[in-house]
Amino acid sequence: MNKTQLEDKLVILLGNGVVTKDAFHLSLNTFDFISKKLEKEVIENSDMFWTHMSLALTRVERGDCEDGPSKAIMNEVGETPYQKDIEDIITYINSLLNQDLPEGERAYFYLHLHRVLEFN
């Protein structure tokens, strides 16, 4: 997915009231951050992450958060060789939010980002 494709997807979600303006902008800013980090304009196999991210940021803004994946899944993902990169991305997102992601949302971000980084 490139930034234009992401923006097109987010415009639809925003227009239908599924995501907020803040989630829209934070997602695009995060795309720029990850794109620069990976030195790629196209971030392969990232569609699920962007959808989850924009919805998660909307939930955080509205005070409604997910519980997160099972402990077994998180234990496996916790051993990812991409842990530092994932932490850098989550720290960046937290800085844009001016708060830390709730633990359940953070766990899902970890899961999705592992997959994104593995493919890129």
PDB file of N, CA and C in Angstrom:
ATOM      1  N   MET A   1       0.844  -1.170   0.000  1.00  0.00           N
ATOM      2  CA  MET A   1       0.000   0.000   0.000  1.00  0.00           C
ATOM      3  C   MET A   1       0.891   1.235   0.000  1.00  0.00           C
ATOM      4  N   ASN A   2       0.544   2.206  -0.836  1.00  0.00           N
ATOM      5  CA  ASN A   2       1.276   3.469  -0.802  1.00  0.00           C
ATOM      6  C   ASN A   2       0.430   4.508  -0.072  1.00  0.00           C
ATOM      7  N   LYS A   3       0.975   5.689   0.109  1.00  0.00           N
ATOM      8  CA  LYS A   3       0.282   6.704   0.905  1.00  0.00           C
ATOM      9  C   LYS A   3      -1.025   7.145   0.245  1.00  0.00           C
ATOM     10  N   THR A   4      -1.048   7.260  -1.074  1.00  0.00           N
ATOM     11  CA  THR A   4      -2.273   7.667  -1.768  1.00  0.00           C
ATOM     12  C   THR A   4      -3.375   6.632  -1.565  1.00  0.00           C
ATOM     13  N   GLN A   5      -3.015   5.353  -1.649  1.00  0.00           N
ATOM     14  CA  GLN A   5      -3.998   4.296  -1.414  1.00  0.00           C
ATOM     15  C   GLN A   5      -4.526   4.344   0.013  1.00  0.00           C
ATOM     16  N   LEU A   6      -3.640   4.570   0.964  1.00  0.00           N
ATOM     17  CA  LEU A   6      -4.056   4.681   2.360  1.00  0.00           C
ATOM     18  C   LEU A   6      -4.981   5.867   2.538  1.00  0.00           C
ATOM     19  N   GLU A   7      -4.596   6.996   1.983  1.00  0.00           N
ATOM     20  CA  GLU A   7      -5.427   8.190   2.127  1.00  0.00           C
ATOM     21  C   GLU A   7      -6.814   7.969   1.520  1.00  0.00           C
ATOM     22  N   ASP A   8      -6.888   7.328   0.360  1.00  0.00           N
ATOM     23  CA  ASP A   8      -8.183   7.031  -0.265  1.00  0.00           C
ATOM     24  C   ASP A   8      -9.047   6.170   0.650  1.00  0.00           C
ATOM     25  N   LYS A   9      -8.440   5.162   1.250  1.00  0.00           N
ATOM     26  CA  LYS A   9      -9.150   4.268   2.164  1.00  0.00           C
ATOM     27  C   LYS A   9      -9.649   5.038   3.391  1.00  0.00           C
ATOM     28  N   LEU A  10      -8.777   5.873   3.943  1.00  0.00           N
ATOM     29  CA  LEU A  10      -9.142   6.637   5.140  1.00  0.00           C
ATOM     30  C   LEU A  10     -10.215   7.684   4.852  1.00  0.00           C
ATOM     31  N   VAL A  11     -10.193   8.267   3.666  1.00  0.00           N
ATOM     32  CA  VAL A  11     -11.223   9.251   3.284  1.00  0.00           C
ATOM     33  C   VAL A  11     -12.602   8.597   3.326  1.00  0.00           C
ATOM     34  N   ILE A  12     -12.683   7.368   2.845  1.00  0.00           N
ATOM     35  CA  ILE A  12     -13.964   6.646   2.871  1.00  0.00           C
ATOM     36  C   ILE A  12     -14.397   6.398   4.317  1.00  0.00           C
ATOM     37  N   LEU A  13     -13.478   5.923   5.142  1.00  0.00           N
ATOM     38  CA  LEU A  13     -13.805   5.657   6.547  1.00  0.00           C
ATOM     39  C   LEU A  13     -14.196   6.934   7.284  1.00  0.00           C
ATOM     40  N   LEU A  14     -13.479   8.013   7.010  1.00  0.00           N
ATOM     41  CA  LEU A  14     -13.785   9.306   7.627  1.00  0.00           C
ATOM     42  C   LEU A  14     -15.147   9.813   7.157  1.00  0.00           C
ATOM     43  N   GLY A  15     -15.392   9.735   5.865  1.00  0.00           N
ATOM     44  CA  GLY A  15     -16.647  10.214   5.297  1.00  0.00           C
ATOM     45  C   GLY A  15     -17.858   9.480   5.828  1.00  0.00           C
ATOM     46  N   ASN A  16     -17.673   8.224   6.219  1.00  0.00           N
ATOM     47  CA  ASN A  16     -18.773   7.423   6.770  1.00  0.00           C
ATOM     48  C   ASN A  16     -18.825   7.469   8.294  1.00  0.00           C
ATOM     49  N   GLY A  17     -17.971   8.304   8.900  1.00  0.00           N
ATOM     50  CA  GLY A  17     -17.977   8.455  10.352  1.00  0.00           C
ATOM     51  C   GLY A  17     -17.407   7.269  11.114  1.00  0.00           C
ATOM     52  N   VAL A  18     -16.675   6.414  10.418  1.00  0.00           N
ATOM     53  CA  VAL A  18     -16.095   5.228  11.048  1.00  0.00           C
ATOM     54  C   VAL A  18     -14.837   5.590  11.826  1.00  0.00           C
ATOM     55  N   VAL A  19     -14.073   6.552  11.319  1.00  0.00           N
ATOM     56  CA  VAL A  19     -12.877   7.036  12.011  1.00  0.00           C
ATOM     57  C   VAL A  19     -12.974   8.549  12.187  1.00  0.00           C
ATOM     58  N   THR A  20     -12.205   9.048  13.121  1.00  0.00           N
ATOM     59  CA  THR A  20     -12.183  10.484  13.400  1.00  0.00           C
ATOM     60  C   THR A  20     -11.111  11.180  12.566  1.00  0.00           C
ATOM     61  N   LYS A  21     -11.183  12.514  12.529  1.00  0.00           N
ATOM     62  CA  LYS A  21     -10.157  13.294  11.829  1.00  0.00           C
ATOM     63  C   LYS A  21      -8.782  13.066  12.440  1.00  0.00           C
ATOM     64  N   ASP A  22      -8.726  13.005  13.763  1.00  0.00           N
ATOM     65  CA  ASP A  22      -7.437  12.772  14.418  1.00  0.00           C
ATOM     66  C   ASP A  22      -6.860  11.414  14.032  1.00  0.00           C
ATOM     67  N   ALA A  23      -7.693  10.376  14.019  1.00  0.00           N
ATOM     68  CA  ALA A  23      -7.229   9.040  13.622  1.00  0.00           C
ATOM     69  C   ALA A  23      -6.755   9.049  12.173  1.00  0.00           C
ATOM     70  N   PHE A  24      -7.469   9.771  11.329  1.00  0.00           N
ATOM     71  CA  PHE A  24      -7.108   9.924   9.924  1.00  0.00           C
ATOM     72  C   PHE A  24      -5.701  10.507   9.798  1.00  0.00           C
ATOM     73  N   HIS A  25      -5.469  11.634  10.462  1.00  0.00           N
ATOM     74  CA  HIS A  25      -4.175  12.317  10.363  1.00  0.00           C
ATOM     75  C   HIS A  25      -3.046  11.540  11.048  1.00  0.00           C
ATOM     76  N   LEU A  26      -3.332  10.945  12.208  1.00  0.00           N
ATOM     77  CA  LEU A  26      -2.310  10.156  12.903  1.00  0.00           C
ATOM     78  C   LEU A  26      -1.886   8.952  12.066  1.00  0.00           C
ATOM     79  N   SER A  27      -2.835   8.342  11.381  1.00  0.00           N
ATOM     80  CA  SER A  27      -2.513   7.195  10.527  1.00  0.00           C
ATOM     81  C   SER A  27      -1.610   7.618   9.369  1.00  0.00           C
ATOM     82  N   LEU A  28      -1.941   8.730   8.736  1.00  0.00           N
ATOM     83  CA  LEU A  28      -1.107   9.219   7.623  1.00  0.00           C
ATOM     84  C   LEU A  28       0.287   9.604   8.097  1.00  0.00           C
ATOM     85  N   ASN A  29       0.368  10.260   9.249  1.00  0.00           N
ATOM     86  CA  ASN A  29       1.679  10.624   9.800  1.00  0.00           C
ATOM     87  C   ASN A  29       2.502   9.383  10.133  1.00  0.00           C
ATOM     88  N   THR A  30       1.836   8.356  10.644  1.00  0.00           N
ATOM     89  CA  THR A  30       2.531   7.116  10.976  1.00  0.00           C
ATOM     90  C   THR A  30       3.002   6.420   9.704  1.00  0.00           C
ATOM     91  N   PHE A  31       2.195   6.505   8.636  1.00  0.00           N
ATOM     92  CA  PHE A  31       2.645   5.946   7.352  1.00  0.00           C
ATOM     93  C   PHE A  31       3.964   6.605   6.946  1.00  0.00           C
ATOM     94  N   ASP A  32       4.021   7.924   7.044  1.00  0.00           N
ATOM     95  CA  ASP A  32       5.252   8.645   6.690  1.00  0.00           C
ATOM     96  C   ASP A  32       6.430   8.176   7.543  1.00  0.00           C
ATOM     97  N   PHE A  33       6.186   8.000   8.838  1.00  0.00           N
ATOM     98  CA  PHE A  33       7.232   7.563   9.763  1.00  0.00           C
ATOM     99  C   PHE A  33       7.750   6.175   9.382  1.00  0.00           C
ATOM    100  N   ILE A  34       6.830   5.227   9.162  1.00  0.00           N
ATOM    101  CA  ILE A  34       7.227   3.862   8.827  1.00  0.00           C
ATOM    102  C   ILE A  34       7.877   3.823   7.442  1.00  0.00           C
ATOM    103  N   SER A  35       7.334   4.567   6.506  1.00  0.00           N
ATOM    104  CA  SER A  35       7.884   4.624   5.154  1.00  0.00           C
ATOM    105  C   SER A  35       9.332   5.101   5.190  1.00  0.00           C
ATOM    106  N   LYS A  36       9.586   6.128   5.968  1.00  0.00           N
ATOM    107  CA  LYS A  36      10.947   6.645   6.106  1.00  0.00           C
ATOM    108  C   LYS A  36      11.851   5.624   6.803  1.00  0.00           C
ATOM    109  N   LYS A  37      11.334   5.002   7.842  1.00  0.00           N
ATOM    110  CA  LYS A  37      12.101   4.005   8.596  1.00  0.00           C
ATOM    111  C   LYS A  37      12.495   2.831   7.698  1.00  0.00           C
ATOM    112  N   LEU A  38      11.573   2.388   6.859  1.00  0.00           N
ATOM    113  CA  LEU A  38      11.827   1.250   5.972  1.00  0.00           C
ATOM    114  C   LEU A  38      12.486   1.658   4.658  1.00  0.00           C
ATOM    115  N   GLU A  39      12.536   2.966   4.425  1.00  0.00           N
ATOM    116  CA  GLU A  39      13.046   3.506   3.169  1.00  0.00           C
ATOM    117  C   GLU A  39      12.273   2.926   1.976  1.00  0.00           C
ATOM    118  N   LYS A  40      10.937   2.946   2.111  1.00  0.00           N
ATOM    119  CA  LYS A  40      10.049   2.424   1.072  1.00  0.00           C
ATOM    120  C   LYS A  40       8.843   3.335   0.930  1.00  0.00           C
ATOM    121  N   GLU A  41       8.410   3.535  -0.302  1.00  0.00           N
ATOM    122  CA  GLU A  41       7.192   4.299  -0.561  1.00  0.00           C
ATOM    123  C   GLU A  41       5.959   3.408  -0.535  1.00  0.00           C
ATOM    124  N   VAL A  42       6.161   2.134  -0.780  1.00  0.00           N
ATOM    125  CA  VAL A  42       5.075   1.154  -0.731  1.00  0.00           C
ATOM    126  C   VAL A  42       5.364   0.211   0.427  1.00  0.00           C
ATOM    127  N   ILE A  43       4.409   0.105   1.338  1.00  0.00           N
ATOM    128  CA  ILE A  43       4.557  -0.794   2.482  1.00  0.00           C
ATOM    129  C   ILE A  43       3.663  -2.005   2.208  1.00  0.00           C
ATOM    130  N   GLU A  44       4.311  -3.096   1.847  1.00  0.00           N
ATOM    131  CA  GLU A  44       3.598  -4.310   1.438  1.00  0.00           C
ATOM    132  C   GLU A  44       2.853  -4.962   2.604  1.00  0.00           C
ATOM    133  N   ASN A  45       1.736  -5.598   2.271  1.00  0.00           N
ATOM    134  CA  ASN A  45       0.947  -6.374   3.240  1.00  0.00           C
ATOM    135  C   ASN A  45       0.626  -5.590   4.513  1.00  0.00           C
ATOM    136  N   SER A  46       0.323  -4.316   4.358  1.00  0.00           N
ATOM    137  CA  SER A  46       0.063  -3.479   5.533  1.00  0.00           C
ATOM    138  C   SER A  46      -1.399  -3.046   5.653  1.00  0.00           C
ATOM    139  N   ASP A  47      -2.251  -3.469   4.720  1.00  0.00           N
ATOM    140  CA  ASP A  47      -3.644  -3.019   4.721  1.00  0.00           C
ATOM    141  C   ASP A  47      -4.350  -3.255   6.058  1.00  0.00           C
ATOM    142  N   MET A  48      -4.188  -4.478   6.594  1.00  0.00           N
ATOM    143  CA  MET A  48      -4.856  -4.789   7.871  1.00  0.00           C
ATOM    144  C   MET A  48      -4.377  -3.879   8.989  1.00  0.00           C
ATOM    145  N   PHE A  49      -3.079  -3.608   9.009  1.00  0.00           N
ATOM    146  CA  PHE A  49      -2.556  -2.733  10.061  1.00  0.00           C
ATOM    147  C   PHE A  49      -3.181  -1.347   9.995  1.00  0.00           C
ATOM    148  N   TRP A  50      -3.264  -0.769   8.802  1.00  0.00           N
ATOM    149  CA  TRP A  50      -3.794   0.592   8.681  1.00  0.00           C
ATOM    150  C   TRP A  50      -5.269   0.644   9.064  1.00  0.00           C
ATOM    151  N   THR A  51      -6.014  -0.369   8.680  1.00  0.00           N
ATOM    152  CA  THR A  51      -7.424  -0.416   9.071  1.00  0.00           C
ATOM    153  C   THR A  51      -7.524  -0.518  10.586  1.00  0.00           C
ATOM    154  N   HIS A  52      -6.768  -1.457  11.153  1.00  0.00           N
ATOM    155  CA  HIS A  52      -6.810  -1.609  12.616  1.00  0.00           C
ATOM    156  C   HIS A  52      -6.355  -0.334  13.315  1.00  0.00           C
ATOM    157  N   MET A  53      -5.284   0.256  12.826  1.00  0.00           N
ATOM    158  CA  MET A  53      -4.753   1.447  13.476  1.00  0.00           C
ATOM    159  C   MET A  53      -5.778   2.575  13.507  1.00  0.00           C
ATOM    160  N   SER A  54      -6.380   2.873  12.365  1.00  0.00           N
ATOM    161  CA  SER A  54      -7.330   3.990  12.325  1.00  0.00           C
ATOM    162  C   SER A  54      -8.541   3.713  13.206  1.00  0.00           C
ATOM    163  N   LEU A  55      -9.002   2.465  13.234  1.00  0.00           N
ATOM    164  CA  LEU A  55     -10.132   2.116  14.105  1.00  0.00           C
ATOM    165  C   LEU A  55      -9.718   2.150  15.575  1.00  0.00           C
ATOM    166  N   ALA A  56      -8.514   1.651  15.875  1.00  0.00           N
ATOM    167  CA  ALA A  56      -8.022   1.658  17.258  1.00  0.00           C
ATOM    168  C   ALA A  56      -7.858   3.078  17.785  1.00  0.00           C
ATOM    169  N   LEU A  57      -7.289   3.950  16.964  1.00  0.00           N
ATOM    170  CA  LEU A  57      -7.113   5.339  17.398  1.00  0.00           C
ATOM    171  C   LEU A  57      -8.466   6.015  17.619  1.00  0.00           C
ATOM    172  N   THR A  58      -9.438   5.660  16.821  1.00  0.00           N
ATOM    173  CA  THR A  58     -10.795   6.184  17.012  1.00  0.00           C
ATOM    174  C   THR A  58     -11.371   5.659  18.322  1.00  0.00           C
ATOM    175  N   ARG A  59     -11.167   4.367  18.605  1.00  0.00           N
ATOM    176  CA  ARG A  59     -11.649   3.807  19.878  1.00  0.00           C
ATOM    177  C   ARG A  59     -10.984   4.506  21.055  1.00  0.00           C
ATOM    178  N   VAL A  60      -9.670   4.715  20.972  1.00  0.00           N
ATOM    179  CA  VAL A  60      -8.951   5.395  22.059  1.00  0.00           C
ATOM    180  C   VAL A  60      -9.540   6.782  22.274  1.00  0.00           C
ATOM    181  N   GLU A  61      -9.758   7.501  21.192  1.00  0.00           N
ATOM    182  CA  GLU A  61     -10.318   8.850  21.285  1.00  0.00           C
ATOM    183  C   GLU A  61     -11.707   8.832  21.929  1.00  0.00           C
ATOM    184  N   ARG A  62     -12.460   7.793  21.665  1.00  0.00           N
ATOM    185  CA  ARG A  62     -13.833   7.681  22.198  1.00  0.00           C
ATOM    186  C   ARG A  62     -13.883   6.959  23.541  1.00  0.00           C
ATOM    187  N   GLY A  63     -12.723   6.524  24.034  1.00  0.00           N
ATOM    188  CA  GLY A  63     -12.655   5.870  25.343  1.00  0.00           C
ATOM    189  C   GLY A  63     -13.133   4.429  25.337  1.00  0.00           C
ATOM    190  N   ASP A  64     -13.073   3.765  24.192  1.00  0.00           N
ATOM    191  CA  ASP A  64     -13.538   2.380  24.063  1.00  0.00           C
ATOM    192  C   ASP A  64     -12.414   1.563  23.459  1.00  0.00           C
ATOM    193  N   CYS A  65     -11.828   0.632  24.224  1.00  0.00           N
ATOM    194  CA  CYS A  65     -10.650  -0.091  23.743  1.00  0.00           C
ATOM    195  C   CYS A  65     -10.844  -1.599  23.755  1.00  0.00           C
ATOM    196  N   GLU A  66     -10.027  -2.276  22.935  1.00  0.00           N
ATOM    197  CA  GLU A  66     -10.042  -3.733  22.814  1.00  0.00           C
ATOM    198  C   GLU A  66      -9.220  -4.367  23.937  1.00  0.00           C
ATOM    199  N   ASP A  67      -9.544  -5.638  24.230  1.00  0.00           N
ATOM    200  CA  ASP A  67      -8.815  -6.379  25.255  1.00  0.00           C
ATOM    201  C   ASP A  67      -7.449  -6.848  24.781  1.00  0.00           C
ATOM    202  N   GLY A  68      -7.308  -7.193  23.524  1.00  0.00           N
ATOM    203  CA  GLY A  68      -6.036  -7.675  22.997  1.00  0.00           C
ATOM    204  C   GLY A  68      -6.086  -9.155  22.703  1.00  0.00           C
ATOM    205  N   PRO A  69      -5.092  -9.649  21.951  1.00  0.00           N
ATOM    206  CA  PRO A  69      -5.036 -11.067  21.597  1.00  0.00           C
ATOM    207  C   PRO A  69      -4.654 -11.924  22.801  1.00  0.00           C
ATOM    208  N   SER A  70      -4.737 -13.241  22.634  1.00  0.00           N
ATOM    209  CA  SER A  70      -4.436 -14.169  23.725  1.00  0.00           C
ATOM    210  C   SER A  70      -2.972 -14.072  24.151  1.00  0.00           C
ATOM    211  N   LYS A  71      -2.712 -14.506  25.367  1.00  0.00           N
ATOM    212  CA  LYS A  71      -1.341 -14.499  25.906  1.00  0.00           C
ATOM    213  C   LYS A  71      -0.417 -15.378  25.055  1.00  0.00           C
ATOM    214  N   ALA A  72      -0.930 -16.511  24.585  1.00  0.00           N
ATOM    215  CA  ALA A  72      -0.101 -17.419  23.794  1.00  0.00           C
ATOM    216  C   ALA A  72       0.381 -16.737  22.513  1.00  0.00           C
ATOM    217  N   ILE A  73      -0.514 -16.032  21.848  1.00  0.00           N
ATOM    218  CA  ILE A  73      -0.143 -15.319  20.624  1.00  0.00           C
ATOM    219  C   ILE A  73       0.871 -14.228  20.952  1.00  0.00           C
ATOM    220  N   MET A  74       0.626 -13.491  22.011  1.00  0.00           N
ATOM    221  CA  MET A  74       1.528 -12.397  22.373  1.00  0.00           C
ATOM    222  C   MET A  74       2.899 -12.912  22.809  1.00  0.00           C
ATOM    223  N   ASN A  75       2.943 -14.074  23.467  1.00  0.00           N
ATOM    224  CA  ASN A  75       4.238 -14.651  23.843  1.00  0.00           C
ATOM    225  C   ASN A  75       5.052 -14.970  22.599  1.00  0.00           C
ATOM    226  N   GLU A  76       4.391 -15.508  21.591  1.00  0.00           N
ATOM    227  CA  GLU A  76       5.075 -15.840  20.336  1.00  0.00           C
ATOM    228  C   GLU A  76       5.551 -14.580  19.623  1.00  0.00           C
ATOM    229  N   VAL A  77       4.675 -13.585  19.519  1.00  0.00           N
ATOM    230  CA  VAL A  77       5.023 -12.331  18.850  1.00  0.00           C
ATOM    231  C   VAL A  77       6.075 -11.571  19.650  1.00  0.00           C
ATOM    232  N   GLY A  78       6.055 -11.729  20.964  1.00  0.00           N
ATOM    233  CA  GLY A  78       7.025 -11.049  21.824  1.00  0.00           C
ATOM    234  C   GLY A  78       8.459 -11.437  21.540  1.00  0.00           C
ATOM    235  N   GLU A  79       8.642 -12.559  20.859  1.00  0.00           N
ATOM    236  CA  GLU A  79       9.985 -13.015  20.513  1.00  0.00           C
ATOM    237  C   GLU A  79      10.412 -12.549  19.122  1.00  0.00           C
ATOM    238  N   THR A  80       9.688 -11.595  18.565  1.00  0.00           N
ATOM    239  CA  THR A  80       9.977 -11.095  17.221  1.00  0.00           C
ATOM    240  C   THR A  80      11.355 -10.433  17.141  1.00  0.00           C
ATOM    241  N   PRO A  81      12.047 -10.630  16.033  1.00  0.00           N
ATOM    242  CA  PRO A  81      13.318  -9.937  15.845  1.00  0.00           C
ATOM    243  C   PRO A  81      13.116  -8.438  15.543  1.00  0.00           C
ATOM    244  N   TYR A  82      11.860  -8.030  15.390  1.00  0.00           N
ATOM    245  CA  TYR A  82      11.540  -6.635  15.052  1.00  0.00           C
ATOM    246  C   TYR A  82      11.102  -5.832  16.268  1.00  0.00           C
ATOM    247  N   GLN A  83      11.356  -6.345  17.450  1.00  0.00           N
ATOM    248  CA  GLN A  83      10.872  -5.716  18.675  1.00  0.00           C
ATOM    249  C   GLN A  83      11.294  -4.249  18.786  1.00  0.00           C
ATOM    250  N   LYS A  84      12.543  -3.930  18.521  1.00  0.00           N
ATOM    251  CA  LYS A  84      13.001  -2.539  18.652  1.00  0.00           C
ATOM    252  C   LYS A  84      12.275  -1.634  17.662  1.00  0.00           C
ATOM    253  N   ASP A  85      12.134  -2.082  16.422  1.00  0.00           N
ATOM    254  CA  ASP A  85      11.427  -1.283  15.423  1.00  0.00           C
ATOM    255  C   ASP A  85       9.968  -1.086  15.806  1.00  0.00           C
ATOM    256  N   ILE A  86       9.332  -2.141  16.295  1.00  0.00           N
ATOM    257  CA  ILE A  86       7.931  -2.035  16.719  1.00  0.00           C
ATOM    258  C   ILE A  86       7.811  -1.048  17.870  1.00  0.00           C
ATOM    259  N   GLU A  87       8.707  -1.143  18.827  1.00  0.00           N
ATOM    260  CA  GLU A  87       8.688  -0.207  19.965  1.00  0.00           C
ATOM    261  C   GLU A  87       8.891   1.236  19.496  1.00  0.00           C
ATOM    262  N   ASP A  88       9.776   1.443  18.530  1.00  0.00           N
ATOM    263  CA  ASP A  88       9.996   2.788  17.977  1.00  0.00           C
ATOM    264  C   ASP A  88       8.706   3.333  17.359  1.00  0.00           C
ATOM    265  N   ILE A  89       8.015   2.489  16.608  1.00  0.00           N
ATOM    266  CA  ILE A  89       6.774   2.918  15.952  1.00  0.00           C
ATOM    267  C   ILE A  89       5.700   3.211  16.995  1.00  0.00           C
ATOM    268  N   ILE A  90       5.558   2.345  17.980  1.00  0.00           N
ATOM    269  CA  ILE A  90       4.549   2.567  19.035  1.00  0.00           C
ATOM    270  C   ILE A  90       4.885   3.819  19.833  1.00  0.00           C
ATOM    271  N   THR A  91       6.146   4.052  20.111  1.00  0.00           N
ATOM    272  CA  THR A  91       6.559   5.277  20.818  1.00  0.00           C
ATOM    273  C   THR A  91       6.191   6.506  19.989  1.00  0.00           C
ATOM    274  N   TYR A  92       6.406   6.426  18.685  1.00  0.00           N
ATOM    275  CA  TYR A  92       6.028   7.533  17.798  1.00  0.00           C
ATOM    276  C   TYR A  92       4.519   7.779  17.854  1.00  0.00           C
ATOM    277  N   ILE A  93       3.733   6.705  17.767  1.00  0.00           N
ATOM    278  CA  ILE A  93       2.275   6.842  17.820  1.00  0.00           C
ATOM    279  C   ILE A  93       1.854   7.437  19.161  1.00  0.00           C
ATOM    280  N   ASN A  94       2.432   6.947  20.260  1.00  0.00           N
ATOM    281  CA  ASN A  94       2.120   7.494  21.581  1.00  0.00           C
ATOM    282  C   ASN A  94       2.426   8.986  21.648  1.00  0.00           C
ATOM    283  N   SER A  95       3.521   9.407  21.012  1.00  0.00           N
ATOM    284  CA  SER A  95       3.881  10.832  21.040  1.00  0.00           C
ATOM    285  C   SER A  95       2.846  11.662  20.281  1.00  0.00           C
ATOM    286  N   LEU A  96       2.306  11.118  19.196  1.00  0.00           N
ATOM    287  CA  LEU A  96       1.265  11.837  18.459  1.00  0.00           C
ATOM    288  C   LEU A  96      -0.031  11.894  19.252  1.00  0.00           C
ATOM    289  N   LEU A  97      -0.305  10.834  20.001  1.00  0.00           N
ATOM    290  CA  LEU A  97      -1.528  10.763  20.815  1.00  0.00           C
ATOM    291  C   LEU A  97      -1.429  11.588  22.094  1.00  0.00           C
ATOM    292  N   ASN A  98      -0.209  11.893  22.509  1.00  0.00           N
ATOM    293  CA  ASN A  98       0.049  12.527  23.799  1.00  0.00           C
ATOM    294  C   ASN A  98      -0.424  11.655  24.955  1.00  0.00           C
ATOM    295  N   GLN A  99      -0.401  10.348  24.739  1.00  0.00           N
ATOM    296  CA  GLN A  99      -0.715   9.358  25.772  1.00  0.00           C
ATOM    297  C   GLN A  99      -0.233   7.998  25.285  1.00  0.00           C
ATOM    298  N   ASP A 100      -0.182   7.037  26.183  1.00  0.00           N
ATOM    299  CA  ASP A 100       0.195   5.691  25.779  1.00  0.00           C
ATOM    300  C   ASP A 100      -1.037   4.943  25.291  1.00  0.00           C
ATOM    301  N   LEU A 101      -0.837   4.129  24.262  1.00  0.00           N
ATOM    302  CA  LEU A 101      -1.921   3.269  23.802  1.00  0.00           C
ATOM    303  C   LEU A 101      -2.323   2.346  24.948  1.00  0.00           C
ATOM    304  N   PRO A 102      -3.613   2.084  25.112  1.00  0.00           N
ATOM    305  CA  PRO A 102      -4.028   1.088  26.105  1.00  0.00           C
ATOM    306  C   PRO A 102      -3.406  -0.266  25.774  1.00  0.00           C
ATOM    307  N   GLU A 103      -3.183  -1.094  26.767  1.00  0.00           N
ATOM    308  CA  GLU A 103      -2.450  -2.353  26.611  1.00  0.00           C
ATOM    309  C   GLU A 103      -3.045  -3.260  25.534  1.00  0.00           C
ATOM    310  N   GLY A 104      -4.354  -3.404  25.483  1.00  0.00           N
ATOM    311  CA  GLY A 104      -4.975  -4.269  24.478  1.00  0.00           C
ATOM    312  C   GLY A 104      -4.721  -3.781  23.069  1.00  0.00           C
ATOM    313  N   GLU A 105      -4.857  -2.480  22.853  1.00  0.00           N
ATOM    314  CA  GLU A 105      -4.601  -1.906  21.527  1.00  0.00           C
ATOM    315  C   GLU A 105      -3.128  -2.041  21.178  1.00  0.00           C
ATOM    316  N   ARG A 106      -2.272  -1.805  22.156  1.00  0.00           N
ATOM    317  CA  ARG A 106      -0.822  -1.911  21.951  1.00  0.00           C
ATOM    318  C   ARG A 106      -0.461  -3.332  21.512  1.00  0.00           C
ATOM    319  N   ALA A 107      -1.098  -4.323  22.130  1.00  0.00           N
ATOM    320  CA  ALA A 107      -0.829  -5.717  21.797  1.00  0.00           C
ATOM    321  C   ALA A 107      -1.214  -6.013  20.348  1.00  0.00           C
ATOM    322  N   TYR A 108      -2.353  -5.501  19.916  1.00  0.00           N
ATOM    323  CA  TYR A 108      -2.751  -5.702  18.518  1.00  0.00           C
ATOM    324  C   TYR A 108      -1.805  -4.977  17.558  1.00  0.00           C
ATOM    325  N   PHE A 109      -1.359  -3.786  17.940  1.00  0.00           N
ATOM    326  CA  PHE A 109      -0.399  -3.078  17.094  1.00  0.00           C
ATOM    327  C   PHE A 109       0.864  -3.929  16.944  1.00  0.00           C
ATOM    328  N   TYR A 110       1.308  -4.510  18.057  1.00  0.00           N
ATOM    329  CA  TYR A 110       2.497  -5.355  18.044  1.00  0.00           C
ATOM    330  C   TYR A 110       2.312  -6.500  17.054  1.00  0.00           C
ATOM    331  N   LEU A 111       1.169  -7.140  17.126  1.00  0.00           N
ATOM    332  CA  LEU A 111       0.857  -8.270  16.260  1.00  0.00           C
ATOM    333  C   LEU A 111       0.876  -7.862  14.784  1.00  0.00           C
ATOM    334  N   HIS A 112       0.178  -6.775  14.458  1.00  0.00           N
ATOM    335  CA  HIS A 112       0.116  -6.310  13.071  1.00  0.00           C
ATOM    336  C   HIS A 112       1.465  -5.796  12.575  1.00  0.00           C
ATOM    337  N   LEU A 113       2.164  -5.046  13.413  1.00  0.00           N
ATOM    338  CA  LEU A 113       3.452  -4.489  12.992  1.00  0.00           C
ATOM    339  C   LEU A 113       4.497  -5.579  12.774  1.00  0.00           C
ATOM    340  N   HIS A 114       4.436  -6.627  13.553  1.00  0.00           N
ATOM    341  CA  HIS A 114       5.353  -7.758  13.323  1.00  0.00           C
ATOM    342  C   HIS A 114       5.180  -8.250  11.891  1.00  0.00           C
ATOM    343  N   ARG A 115       3.942  -8.433  11.475  1.00  0.00           N
ATOM    344  CA  ARG A 115       3.651  -8.929  10.121  1.00  0.00           C
ATOM    345  C   ARG A 115       4.126  -7.930   9.058  1.00  0.00           C
ATOM    346  N   VAL A 116       3.835  -6.654   9.273  1.00  0.00           N
ATOM    347  CA  VAL A 116       4.231  -5.631   8.309  1.00  0.00           C
ATOM    348  C   VAL A 116       5.756  -5.610   8.156  1.00  0.00           C
ATOM    349  N   LEU A 117       6.452  -5.594   9.253  1.00  0.00           N
ATOM    350  CA  LEU A 117       7.917  -5.533   9.193  1.00  0.00           C
ATOM    351  C   LEU A 117       8.513  -6.803   8.599  1.00  0.00           C
ATOM    352  N   GLU A 118       7.898  -7.929   8.886  1.00  0.00           N
ATOM    353  CA  GLU A 118       8.378  -9.193   8.330  1.00  0.00           C
ATOM    354  C   GLU A 118       8.323  -9.200   6.799  1.00  0.00           C
ATOM    355  N   PHE A 119       7.287  -8.586   6.228  1.00  0.00           N
ATOM    356  CA  PHE A 119       7.134  -8.559   4.772  1.00  0.00           C
ATOM    357  C   PHE A 119       7.937  -7.450   4.113  1.00  0.00           C
ATOM    358  N   ASN A 120       8.406  -6.493   4.880  1.00  0.00           N
ATOM    359  CA  ASN A 120       9.102  -5.358   4.288  1.00  0.00           C
ATOM    360  C   ASN A 120      10.548  -5.275   4.712  1.00  0.00           C
TER     361      ASN A 120
END
